């Protein structure tokens, strides 16, 4: 690696390091500016901060979705197990339930 010298005779890399050190020293003397959170940070914080009620509600919604899916599966099983011919309404319901499962 070749070291280039500046007009002052110092190596270029050393002068860059010195400039960076001066910048960090100046920044430490000044209090950092408090910035508002960005859009991504704001969205992430709202997702993390669920209260106990919201968490319970989401859990209950999940349970209700599973129950609804199971009841539709049971209904489809009953329609498929029927020995006699299905009425038009039963046939359309069976086709609808089958399409929802796919």
C-alpha atoms as a PDB file:
ATOM      1  CA  UNK A   1       0.000   0.000   0.000  1.00  0.00           C
ATOM      2  CA  UNK A   2       1.401   3.354  -0.940  1.00  0.00           C
ATOM      3  CA  UNK A   3       1.039   6.295   1.377  1.00  0.00           C
ATOM      4  CA  UNK A   4       0.388   9.607  -0.308  1.00  0.00           C
ATOM      5  CA  UNK A   5       1.579  12.801   1.245  1.00  0.00           C
ATOM      6  CA  UNK A   6      -0.437  15.972   1.437  1.00  0.00           C
ATOM      7  CA  UNK A   7       0.918  19.445   0.685  1.00  0.00           C
ATOM      8  CA  UNK A   8       1.807  19.832   4.361  1.00  0.00           C
ATOM      9  CA  UNK A   9       3.983  16.718   4.194  1.00  0.00           C
ATOM     10  CA  UNK A  10       1.751  14.533   6.402  1.00  0.00           C
ATOM     11  CA  UNK A  11       0.460  11.229   5.142  1.00  0.00           C
ATOM     12  CA  UNK A  12      -3.061  11.622   3.732  1.00  0.00           C
ATOM     13  CA  UNK A  13      -4.556   8.858   5.879  1.00  0.00           C
ATOM     14  CA  UNK A  14      -3.259  10.467   9.070  1.00  0.00           C
ATOM     15  CA  UNK A  15      -4.778  13.811   8.168  1.00  0.00           C
ATOM     16  CA  UNK A  16      -8.115  12.146   7.508  1.00  0.00           C
ATOM     17  CA  UNK A  17      -8.011  10.422  10.879  1.00  0.00           C
ATOM     18  CA  UNK A  18      -7.167  13.700  12.576  1.00  0.00           C
ATOM     19  CA  UNK A  19     -10.118  15.390  10.885  1.00  0.00           C
ATOM     20  CA  UNK A  20     -12.461  12.616  12.000  1.00  0.00           C
ATOM     21  CA  UNK A  21     -11.187  12.828  15.573  1.00  0.00           C
ATOM     22  CA  UNK A  22     -11.759  16.590  15.627  1.00  0.00           C
ATOM     23  CA  UNK A  23     -15.294  16.111  14.335  1.00  0.00           C
ATOM     24  CA  UNK A  24     -16.124  13.546  17.016  1.00  0.00           C
ATOM     25  CA  UNK A  25     -14.683  15.748  19.760  1.00  0.00           C
ATOM     26  CA  UNK A  26     -16.808  18.676  18.631  1.00  0.00           C
ATOM     27  CA  UNK A  27     -19.875  16.481  18.496  1.00  0.00           C
ATOM     28  CA  UNK A  28     -19.301  15.260  22.060  1.00  0.00           C
ATOM     29  CA  UNK A  29     -19.284  18.804  23.416  1.00  0.00           C
ATOM     30  CA  UNK A  30     -22.695  19.574  21.919  1.00  0.00           C
ATOM     31  CA  UNK A  31     -25.805  17.845  23.200  1.00  0.00           C
ATOM     32  CA  UNK A  32     -27.280  15.549  20.570  1.00  0.00           C
ATOM     33  CA  UNK A  33     -30.439  16.785  18.911  1.00  0.00           C
ATOM     34  CA  UNK A  34     -33.499  14.726  19.832  1.00  0.00           C
ATOM     35  CA  UNK A  35     -35.113  13.622  16.601  1.00  0.00           C
ATOM     36  CA  UNK A  36     -38.595  12.205  16.198  1.00  0.00           C
ATOM     37  CA  UNK A  37     -38.748   8.519  15.317  1.00  0.00           C
ATOM     38  CA  UNK A  38     -38.840   7.614  11.662  1.00  0.00           C
ATOM     39  CA  UNK A  39     -41.832   6.078   9.943  1.00  0.00           C
ATOM     40  CA  UNK A  40     -40.505   2.528  10.229  1.00  0.00           C
ATOM     41  CA  UNK A  41     -39.649   2.972  13.902  1.00  0.00           C
ATOM     42  CA  UNK A  42     -43.083   4.419  14.640  1.00  0.00           C
ATOM     43  CA  UNK A  43     -44.828   1.509  12.919  1.00  0.00           C
ATOM     44  CA  UNK A  44     -42.655  -1.020  14.715  1.00  0.00           C
ATOM     45  CA  UNK A  45     -43.341   0.537  18.115  1.00  0.00           C
ATOM     46  CA  UNK A  46     -47.108   0.367  17.602  1.00  0.00           C
ATOM     47  CA  UNK A  47     -46.880  -3.308  16.724  1.00  0.00           C
ATOM     48  CA  UNK A  48     -44.796  -4.101  19.799  1.00  0.00           C
ATOM     49  CA  UNK A  49     -46.962  -2.241  22.308  1.00  0.00           C
ATOM     50  CA  UNK A  50     -50.038  -4.438  22.561  1.00  0.00           C
ATOM     51  CA  UNK A  51     -51.926  -4.197  25.781  1.00  0.00           C
ATOM     52  CA  UNK A  52     -53.229  -7.251  27.556  1.00  0.00           C
ATOM     53  CA  UNK A  53     -56.723  -6.763  26.127  1.00  0.00           C
ATOM     54  CA  UNK A  54     -55.482  -6.426  22.550  1.00  0.00           C
ATOM     55  CA  UNK A  55     -53.362  -9.534  22.914  1.00  0.00           C
ATOM     56  CA  UNK A  56     -56.307 -11.471  24.312  1.00  0.00           C
ATOM     57  CA  UNK A  57     -58.545 -10.178  21.515  1.00  0.00           C
ATOM     58  CA  UNK A  58     -56.113 -11.315  18.832  1.00  0.00           C
ATOM     59  CA  UNK A  59     -55.890 -14.731  20.484  1.00  0.00           C
ATOM     60  CA  UNK A  60     -59.688 -15.020  20.582  1.00  0.00           C
ATOM     61  CA  UNK A  61     -59.960 -13.997  16.935  1.00  0.00           C
ATOM     62  CA  UNK A  62     -57.521 -16.752  16.037  1.00  0.00           C
ATOM     63  CA  UNK A  63     -59.570 -19.304  17.967  1.00  0.00           C
ATOM     64  CA  UNK A  64     -62.787 -18.137  16.276  1.00  0.00           C
ATOM     65  CA  UNK A  65     -61.205 -18.433  12.826  1.00  0.00           C
ATOM     66  CA  UNK A  66     -60.131 -21.997  13.584  1.00  0.00           C
ATOM     67  CA  UNK A  67     -63.613 -22.887  14.888  1.00  0.00           C
ATOM     68  CA  UNK A  68     -65.244 -21.444  11.776  1.00  0.00           C
ATOM     69  CA  UNK A  69     -62.911 -23.394   9.519  1.00  0.00           C
ATOM     70  CA  UNK A  70     -63.619 -26.623  11.420  1.00  0.00           C
ATOM     71  CA  UNK A  71     -67.381 -26.117  11.228  1.00  0.00           C
ATOM     72  CA  UNK A  72     -67.145 -25.614   7.455  1.00  0.00           C
ATOM     73  CA  UNK A  73     -65.079 -28.792   7.162  1.00  0.00           C
ATOM     74  CA  UNK A  74     -67.645 -30.752   9.195  1.00  0.00           C
ATOM     75  CA  UNK A  75     -70.474 -29.440   7.030  1.00  0.00           C
ATOM     76  CA  UNK A  76     -68.610 -30.436   3.877  1.00  0.00           C
ATOM     77  CA  UNK A  77     -67.946 -33.896   5.328  1.00  0.00           C
ATOM     78  CA  UNK A  78     -71.673 -34.323   6.048  1.00  0.00           C
ATOM     79  CA  UNK A  79     -72.593 -33.261   2.524  1.00  0.00           C
ATOM     80  CA  UNK A  80     -70.060 -35.653   1.009  1.00  0.00           C
ATOM     81  CA  UNK A  81     -71.219 -38.523   3.246  1.00  0.00           C
ATOM     82  CA  UNK A  82     -74.889 -38.172   2.225  1.00  0.00           C
ATOM     83  CA  UNK A  83     -76.086 -41.252   0.353  1.00  0.00           C
ATOM     84  CA  UNK A  84     -79.109 -39.664  -1.326  1.00  0.00           C
ATOM     85  CA  UNK A  85     -78.822 -37.102  -4.077  1.00  0.00           C
ATOM     86  CA  UNK A  86     -78.155 -33.544  -3.032  1.00  0.00           C
ATOM     87  CA  UNK A  87     -80.557 -30.714  -3.692  1.00  0.00           C
ATOM     88  CA  UNK A  88     -79.441 -27.778  -5.816  1.00  0.00           C
ATOM     89  CA  UNK A  89     -78.798 -25.686  -2.705  1.00  0.00           C
ATOM     90  CA  UNK A  90     -76.776 -28.433  -1.023  1.00  0.00           C
ATOM     91  CA  UNK A  91     -74.804 -29.025  -4.198  1.00  0.00           C
ATOM     92  CA  UNK A  92     -73.956 -25.322  -4.590  1.00  0.00           C
ATOM     93  CA  UNK A  93     -73.005 -25.139  -0.892  1.00  0.00           C
ATOM     94  CA  UNK A  94     -70.749 -28.160  -1.294  1.00  0.00           C
ATOM     95  CA  UNK A  95     -69.033 -26.592  -4.324  1.00  0.00           C
ATOM     96  CA  UNK A  96     -68.605 -23.301  -2.464  1.00  0.00           C
ATOM     97  CA  UNK A  97     -67.065 -25.021   0.560  1.00  0.00           C
ATOM     98  CA  UNK A  98     -64.732 -27.019  -1.666  1.00  0.00           C
ATOM     99  CA  UNK A  99     -63.558 -23.883  -3.469  1.00  0.00           C
ATOM    100  CA  UNK A 100     -62.895 -22.127  -0.138  1.00  0.00           C
ATOM    101  CA  UNK A 101     -60.745 -25.028   1.031  1.00  0.00           C
ATOM    102  CA  UNK A 102     -58.498 -24.849  -2.012  1.00  0.00           C
END
